[in-house]
Amino acid sequence: MNSLSRAGLIILLILAVATGIWLNNTAWRNRRLIWQLQAAVIAGGVGFIAGRITAGNE
């Protein structure tokens, strides 16, 4: 793993922790928005994985 990918992984980890803290401090009235955000992230991840699997080997 080169240093650029390692730095990217560290940045993603920091962003994930910061987002978790922010969502934990969110008021209950915004929980529906959080569920929609969670669904969008999951759908994006599934779409990305499906795209990588079905992509050609070129």
Protein backbone atom coordinates (compact mmCIF):
# COMPACT_ATOMS: atom_id res chain seq x y z
CA MET A 1 0.00 0.00 0.00
CA ASN A 2 1.57 3.26 -1.06
CA SER A 3 1.56 6.41 1.04
CA LEU A 4 -1.19 8.13 -0.99
CA SER A 5 -3.69 5.31 -0.49
CA ARG A 6 -2.71 5.05 3.17
CA ALA A 7 -3.33 8.79 3.65
CA GLY A 8 -6.70 8.48 1.90
CA LEU A 9 -7.67 5.61 4.18
CA ILE A 10 -6.73 7.62 7.27
CA ILE A 11 -8.75 10.62 6.05
CA LEU A 12 -11.79 8.39 5.40
CA LEU A 13 -11.48 6.94 8.90
CA ILE A 14 -11.31 10.40 10.49
CA LEU A 15 -14.34 11.53 8.45
CA ALA A 16 -16.29 8.42 9.49
CA VAL A 17 -15.58 9.03 13.19
CA ALA A 18 -16.45 12.74 12.91
CA THR A 19 -19.68 11.94 11.07
CA GLY A 20 -20.62 9.38 13.72
CA ILE A 21 -20.09 11.92 16.50
CA TRP A 22 -22.11 14.53 14.60
CA LEU A 23 -24.98 12.11 13.94
CA ASN A 24 -24.97 11.00 17.57
CA ASN A 25 -25.49 14.60 18.71
CA THR A 26 -28.32 15.21 16.23
CA ALA A 27 -31.79 15.89 17.60
CA TRP A 28 -34.43 13.17 17.41
CA ARG A 29 -36.53 15.19 14.96
CA ASN A 30 -33.81 14.69 12.34
CA ARG A 31 -33.70 10.89 12.62
CA ARG A 32 -35.70 10.46 9.41
CA LEU A 33 -33.05 12.42 7.52
CA ILE A 34 -30.37 10.21 9.04
CA TRP A 35 -32.21 7.09 7.86
CA GLN A 36 -32.40 8.54 4.36
CA LEU A 37 -28.69 9.36 4.45
CA GLN A 38 -27.92 5.84 5.63
CA ALA A 39 -30.03 4.33 2.84
CA ALA A 40 -28.26 6.51 0.26
CA VAL A 41 -24.82 5.45 1.50
CA ILE A 42 -25.76 1.77 1.46
CA ALA A 43 -27.29 2.04 -2.02
CA GLY A 44 -24.21 3.86 -3.29
CA GLY A 45 -21.95 1.16 -1.87
CA VAL A 46 -24.03 -1.62 -3.42
CA GLY A 47 -24.03 0.19 -6.77
CA PHE A 48 -20.27 0.67 -6.63
CA ILE A 49 -19.63 -2.98 -5.84
CA ALA A 50 -22.04 -4.14 -8.55
CA GLY A 51 -20.32 -1.86 -11.04
CA ARG A 52 -16.90 -3.21 -10.11
CA ILE A 53 -18.10 -6.82 -10.44
CA THR A 54 -19.78 -6.31 -13.80
CA ALA A 55 -17.01 -4.15 -15.28
CA GLY A 56 -14.74 -5.63 -17.90
CA ASN A 57 -11.14 -6.57 -17.22
CA GLU A 58 -9.69 -4.04 -19.65
